[in-house]
């Protein structure tokens, strides 16, 4: 990737390489109005440090399981004239909701695990019963 230490602009290919995502993904986030690059005279996209930071927030939000709508709202908080306290409260609210969802999924998976264990035990018992019957018939 090119050294942008003295340049506040990035090409789509530079961001795609830096974040290990496709240029198509970046264009998708643009379509969803989560980032808004400028254009050169040749109509090539030009991304700013702000766009780069927003892309970083989008990818982090996705990694934590937030929907694009939630990510857009969180990003939007940084665009409007809200103070840091309000932004942190909203982020904390999203975090608590996400944690609750995760805990619910964990409980669902534990129940599913118990169901599979019980089913496996029933299948094993039935198999042993059938094998005993089969071996008894063979003698």
Foldseek 3Di string as FASTA:
>chain_A
DDDCPVPFKDFLVVLCVVVVHDSVVVVVCVVVVLAPFDADPVRGGIHGVLRSVSVVQQVVCVVLPHDPVLSSVLSVVVVDPDDPVVSVVSVVVVVVVSVVVVVVVVVVVVVVVVVVVVVVVVVVVVVVVVVVVVVVVVD
